[in-house]
Amino acid sequence: MTESALRTPTVATADEFRTMMSGFPTGVSVITATDEDGAERGMTCSSVCSVSLDPPVLLICLRHGSPTLDAVVRSGAFTVNLLHAGGRGTAELFASGNPDRFGLVPWESDPAAAGPHLVTDAHTIADCEVVLTQRMGDHVTVYGEARRVTRQADEAPLLYGLRQFRDWPAAQAG
């Protein structure tokens, strides 16, 4: 390929980009927060990434206009519930938009929680404080400093790739 062909100003289509990213498996989380009226908000999210160890910062990407994003921004806090393989139903529920989702899964909250904790389906939970937001296209990147990390279960993480949920493969003897 010539150098000039590499600089041709083209833009990938949404379908091309979606197909490319589906080939990059990732862990599955449910991001939760409480809105200003005290209502629980949450959505499935596979866009979670560590940013820094000192301070402990991660980022999440949420759809612009979502009630969960609004609750995160207004409250200044959110919870990352990293799902284990048994949490597939919860991942699907929180991706569905079902308005009664918090009535269909066990969850807890305490005064130190940034959002609801999905105690049955999460292997690890992080309560985070928003430190920065940045809009890019139809999503907003939210940077959060982890204030508390709680290990819930010693279970394999749930993965998402090729538009499917999968269990983490069993460790192989080397």
Protein backbone atom coordinates (compact mmCIF):
# COMPACT_ATOMS: atom_id res chain seq x y z
CA MET A 1 0.00 0.00 0.00
CA THR A 2 1.36 3.41 -0.88
CA GLU A 3 1.92 6.13 1.66
CA SER A 4 -0.69 8.34 -0.03
CA ALA A 5 -3.29 5.54 0.21
CA LEU A 6 -2.76 5.37 3.98
CA ARG A 7 -3.53 9.09 4.30
CA THR A 8 -6.75 8.98 2.28
CA PRO A 9 -9.40 10.66 4.45
CA THR A 10 -12.00 7.89 4.77
CA VAL A 11 -14.18 7.00 7.70
CA ALA A 12 -15.12 3.47 8.65
CA THR A 13 -18.84 2.78 8.79
CA ALA A 14 -20.51 2.04 12.11
CA ASP A 15 -20.98 -1.60 11.03
CA GLU A 16 -17.31 -1.98 10.05
CA PHE A 17 -16.20 -0.51 13.37
CA ARG A 18 -18.68 -2.61 15.38
CA THR A 19 -17.46 -5.78 13.62
CA MET A 20 -13.82 -4.88 14.30
CA MET A 21 -14.46 -4.23 18.00
CA SER A 22 -16.52 -7.43 18.39
CA GLY A 23 -13.26 -9.30 17.71
CA PHE A 24 -11.70 -7.73 20.80
CA PRO A 25 -13.14 -9.67 23.79
CA THR A 26 -13.50 -7.81 27.03
CA GLY A 27 -14.84 -8.22 30.54
CA VAL A 28 -18.44 -7.31 31.36
CA SER A 29 -19.58 -4.90 34.04
CA VAL A 30 -22.72 -3.18 35.18
CA ILE A 31 -22.23 0.48 36.02
CA THR A 32 -24.61 1.74 38.71
CA ALA A 33 -25.38 5.10 40.30
CA THR A 34 -28.17 6.79 42.20
CA ASP A 35 -29.90 9.76 40.61
CA GLU A 36 -30.85 12.99 42.37
CA ASP A 37 -34.31 11.60 43.20
CA GLY A 38 -32.78 8.53 44.88
CA ALA A 39 -33.65 6.14 42.02
CA GLU A 40 -31.17 3.42 41.12
CA ARG A 41 -29.72 3.59 37.61
CA GLY A 42 -27.56 1.04 35.82
CA MET A 43 -26.41 -0.29 32.48
CA THR A 44 -24.22 -3.06 31.11
CA CYS A 45 -20.81 -1.77 30.05
CA SER A 46 -17.87 -3.49 28.41
CA SER A 47 -15.88 -0.27 28.03
CA VAL A 48 -13.88 -0.30 31.26
CA CYS A 49 -10.15 0.34 31.36
CA SER A 50 -7.53 0.96 34.02
CA VAL A 51 -5.80 4.32 33.60
CA SER A 52 -3.50 4.82 36.58
CA LEU A 53 -2.37 2.99 39.72
CA ASP A 54 -1.39 6.11 41.64
CA PRO A 55 -3.99 7.43 42.04
CA PRO A 56 -6.15 4.38 41.23
CA VAL A 57 -8.18 5.65 38.23
CA LEU A 58 -10.25 3.79 35.68
CA LEU A 59 -12.43 4.91 32.83
CA ILE A 60 -15.85 3.86 31.61
CA CYS A 61 -17.64 4.86 28.41
CA LEU A 62 -21.39 5.42 28.60
CA ARG A 63 -23.89 6.38 25.92
CA HIS A 64 -24.62 10.10 25.81
CA GLY A 65 -28.19 10.74 26.92
CA SER A 66 -28.53 7.61 29.07
CA PRO A 67 -30.20 7.99 32.49
CA THR A 68 -27.25 6.14 34.02
CA LEU A 69 -24.76 8.65 32.63
CA ASP A 70 -26.94 11.50 33.89
CA ALA A 71 -26.99 9.96 37.40
CA VAL A 72 -23.20 9.43 37.33
CA VAL A 73 -22.49 13.00 36.28
CA ARG A 74 -24.99 14.63 38.66
CA SER A 75 -24.02 12.52 41.69
CA GLY A 76 -20.29 12.64 40.94
CA ALA A 77 -19.95 8.95 41.72
CA PHE A 78 -20.53 5.48 40.28
CA THR A 79 -20.00 1.81 41.01
CA VAL A 80 -18.36 -0.70 38.70
CA ASN A 81 -19.76 -4.20 39.23
CA LEU A 82 -17.41 -6.63 37.44
CA LEU A 83 -19.58 -9.63 36.58
CA HIS A 84 -18.57 -13.25 36.99
CA ALA A 85 -19.60 -16.00 34.56
CA GLY A 86 -22.82 -16.64 36.50
CA GLY A 87 -23.90 -13.02 35.89
CA ARG A 88 -24.83 -13.41 32.22
CA GLY A 89 -28.55 -12.98 32.92
CA THR A 90 -27.85 -9.76 34.80
CA ALA A 91 -25.67 -8.48 31.94
CA GLU A 92 -28.50 -9.15 29.50
CA LEU A 93 -31.09 -7.59 31.83
CA PHE A 94 -29.11 -4.36 32.30
CA ALA A 95 -28.48 -4.17 28.54
CA SER A 96 -32.22 -4.58 27.82
CA GLY A 97 -33.43 -1.24 29.15
CA ASN A 98 -36.02 -2.98 31.36
CA PRO A 99 -37.17 -0.24 33.77
CA ASP A 100 -37.69 -2.80 36.59
CA ARG A 101 -34.17 -4.28 36.42
CA PHE A 102 -33.30 -3.43 40.04
CA GLY A 103 -36.43 -5.28 41.18
CA LEU A 104 -35.24 -8.43 39.40
CA VAL A 105 -31.73 -8.84 40.86
CA PRO A 106 -30.33 -8.81 44.40
CA TRP A 107 -28.42 -5.65 45.25
CA GLU A 108 -27.24 -3.74 48.29
CA SER A 109 -26.14 -0.23 49.10
CA ASP A 110 -24.60 1.42 52.12
CA PRO A 111 -23.64 5.03 52.94
CA ALA A 112 -20.12 4.52 51.53
CA ALA A 113 -21.38 3.02 48.25
CA ALA A 114 -21.25 5.14 45.11
CA GLY A 115 -24.09 3.13 43.59
CA PRO A 116 -25.92 -0.17 44.02
CA HIS A 117 -23.73 -3.25 44.52
CA LEU A 118 -24.82 -6.34 42.57
CA VAL A 119 -23.66 -8.70 45.31
CA THR A 120 -24.77 -11.97 43.71
CA ASP A 121 -23.46 -11.45 40.18
CA ALA A 122 -20.26 -9.41 40.67
CA HIS A 123 -16.88 -10.91 41.50
CA THR A 124 -15.42 -7.47 42.33
CA ILE A 125 -17.01 -4.09 42.99
CA ALA A 126 -15.35 -0.66 42.85
CA ASP A 127 -16.92 2.54 44.20
CA CYS A 128 -15.55 5.50 42.26
CA GLU A 129 -15.59 9.29 42.38
CA VAL A 130 -15.86 11.12 39.05
CA VAL A 131 -12.70 13.11 38.34
CA LEU A 132 -13.19 13.97 34.65
CA THR A 133 -15.68 13.53 31.81
CA GLN A 134 -15.13 13.95 28.09
CA ARG A 135 -17.68 13.58 25.30
CA MET A 136 -16.63 11.87 22.07
CA GLY A 137 -19.33 11.28 19.47
CA ASP A 138 -22.29 9.41 20.92
CA HIS A 139 -20.52 8.41 24.18
CA VAL A 140 -18.98 10.09 27.21
CA THR A 141 -15.77 8.86 28.81
CA VAL A 142 -15.97 9.09 32.59
CA TYR A 143 -12.77 8.87 34.62
CA GLY A 144 -13.26 7.65 38.17
CA GLU A 145 -10.92 7.40 41.10
CA ALA A 146 -11.51 4.14 42.96
CA ARG A 147 -12.35 4.91 46.58
CA ARG A 148 -13.17 1.36 47.66
CA VAL A 149 -12.66 -2.04 46.00
CA THR A 150 -14.48 -5.08 47.35
CA ARG A 151 -13.78 -8.64 46.23
CA GLN A 152 -17.10 -10.51 46.32
CA ALA A 153 -16.39 -13.96 44.90
CA ASP A 154 -13.55 -16.05 43.59
CA GLU A 155 -15.28 -16.85 40.30
CA ALA A 156 -14.21 -16.56 36.67
CA PRO A 157 -15.10 -13.29 34.93
CA LEU A 158 -17.80 -12.99 32.28
CA LEU A 159 -16.45 -12.06 28.83
CA TYR A 160 -18.06 -10.44 25.79
CA GLY A 161 -16.75 -10.80 22.25
CA LEU A 162 -17.99 -11.71 18.79
CA ARG A 163 -21.38 -10.41 20.05
CA GLN A 164 -21.63 -13.25 22.58
CA PHE A 165 -21.21 -13.70 26.32
CA ARG A 166 -18.72 -16.40 27.33
CA ASP A 167 -17.08 -17.78 30.46
CA TRP A 168 -13.38 -17.28 31.00
CA PRO A 169 -11.66 -20.44 29.69
CA ALA A 170 -10.41 -22.91 32.28
CA ALA A 171 -6.73 -22.60 33.13
CA GLN A 172 -4.59 -25.11 31.30
CA ALA A 173 -1.77 -26.99 32.94
CA GLY A 174 1.55 -25.80 31.52
